[in-house]
Amino acid sequence: MVYNYLILAYILMSWFPNARESSIGQFIGRLVEPYLSIFRRFIPPIGGVLDLSPIVAFIALRFIQSGVMYLLDMLFSLFR
């Protein structure tokens, strides 16, 4: 969940001038940008402005979270 909030904060920072250039913006960018760049390779911005890759990144992260929770549930149910 924390990573979801970091991605959201990074997206919202793009709406404010120079927010991503601040020390907090650069820190969040170092954490989030490697993950988002995976999706940006396959999903170009619409009209050169609207970047939809974070939406796909959120959906992929949700599937990953669900899969990990399912695997942990199966693993712990073996020990009951």
Protein backbone atom coordinates (compact mmCIF):
# COMPACT_ATOMS: atom_id res chain seq x y z
CA MET A 1 0.00 0.00 0.00
CA VAL A 2 2.85 2.38 0.75
CA TYR A 3 4.19 1.99 -2.78
CA ASN A 4 0.75 2.84 -4.17
CA TYR A 5 0.81 6.07 -2.18
CA LEU A 6 4.31 6.87 -3.42
CA ILE A 7 3.19 6.44 -7.03
CA LEU A 8 0.15 8.62 -6.38
CA ALA A 9 2.29 11.32 -4.75
CA TYR A 10 4.68 11.24 -7.70
CA ILE A 11 1.81 11.63 -10.15
CA LEU A 12 0.31 14.53 -8.19
CA MET A 13 3.72 16.22 -8.05
CA SER A 14 3.63 16.49 -11.84
CA TRP A 15 0.74 18.94 -11.51
CA PHE A 16 2.83 21.44 -9.53
CA PRO A 17 5.76 23.32 -11.04
CA ASN A 18 9.16 22.24 -9.72
CA ALA A 19 7.69 19.75 -7.23
CA ARG A 20 9.54 16.81 -8.77
CA GLU A 21 12.79 18.77 -8.65
CA SER A 22 12.56 19.19 -4.87
CA SER A 23 14.53 16.84 -2.64
CA ILE A 24 11.38 14.91 -1.70
CA GLY A 25 10.33 14.72 -5.34
CA GLN A 26 13.72 13.38 -6.37
CA PHE A 27 13.65 10.81 -3.56
CA ILE A 28 10.19 9.58 -4.55
CA GLY A 29 11.25 9.59 -8.19
CA ARG A 30 14.20 7.29 -7.44
CA LEU A 31 11.82 4.85 -5.78
CA VAL A 32 8.95 4.99 -8.28
CA GLU A 33 10.49 5.77 -11.66
CA PRO A 34 12.14 2.33 -12.23
CA TYR A 35 8.75 0.63 -11.83
CA LEU A 36 6.89 3.17 -13.99
CA SER A 37 9.53 3.06 -16.72
CA ILE A 38 8.65 -0.59 -17.37
CA PHE A 39 5.15 0.46 -18.40
CA ARG A 40 6.25 3.60 -20.23
CA ARG A 41 8.24 1.45 -22.65
CA PHE A 42 5.01 -0.18 -23.85
CA ILE A 43 2.43 2.59 -23.36
CA PRO A 44 3.26 5.87 -25.09
CA PRO A 45 1.66 9.09 -23.81
CA ILE A 46 -1.55 10.07 -25.58
CA GLY A 47 -0.99 13.23 -27.56
CA GLY A 48 2.46 13.47 -26.03
CA VAL A 49 0.94 14.80 -22.80
CA LEU A 50 -1.37 12.29 -21.10
CA ASP A 51 0.62 9.44 -19.54
CA LEU A 52 -1.59 6.42 -18.85
CA SER A 53 1.25 4.16 -17.71
CA PRO A 54 0.68 4.90 -13.98
CA ILE A 55 -2.88 3.58 -14.26
CA VAL A 56 -1.62 0.32 -15.74
CA ALA A 57 1.12 0.26 -13.09
CA PHE A 58 -1.52 0.57 -10.35
CA ILE A 59 -3.52 -2.31 -11.85
CA ALA A 60 -0.42 -4.51 -12.18
CA LEU A 61 0.62 -3.73 -8.62
CA ARG A 62 -2.85 -4.69 -7.41
CA PHE A 63 -2.60 -8.05 -9.21
CA ILE A 64 0.84 -8.61 -7.69
CA GLN A 65 -0.48 -7.79 -4.21
CA SER A 66 -3.42 -10.16 -4.67
CA GLY A 67 -1.13 -12.93 -5.87
CA VAL A 68 1.26 -12.54 -2.96
CA MET A 69 -1.61 -12.52 -0.47
CA TYR A 70 -3.04 -15.66 -2.05
CA LEU A 71 0.32 -17.43 -1.90
CA LEU A 72 0.83 -16.42 1.73
CA ASP A 73 -2.66 -17.62 2.60
CA MET A 74 -1.99 -20.97 0.94
CA LEU A 75 1.39 -21.27 2.66
CA PHE A 76 0.01 -20.54 6.12
CA SER A 77 -2.96 -22.83 5.60
CA LEU A 78 -0.52 -25.71 5.14
CA PHE A 79 0.79 -25.21 8.66
CA ARG A 80 -2.62 -25.25 10.39
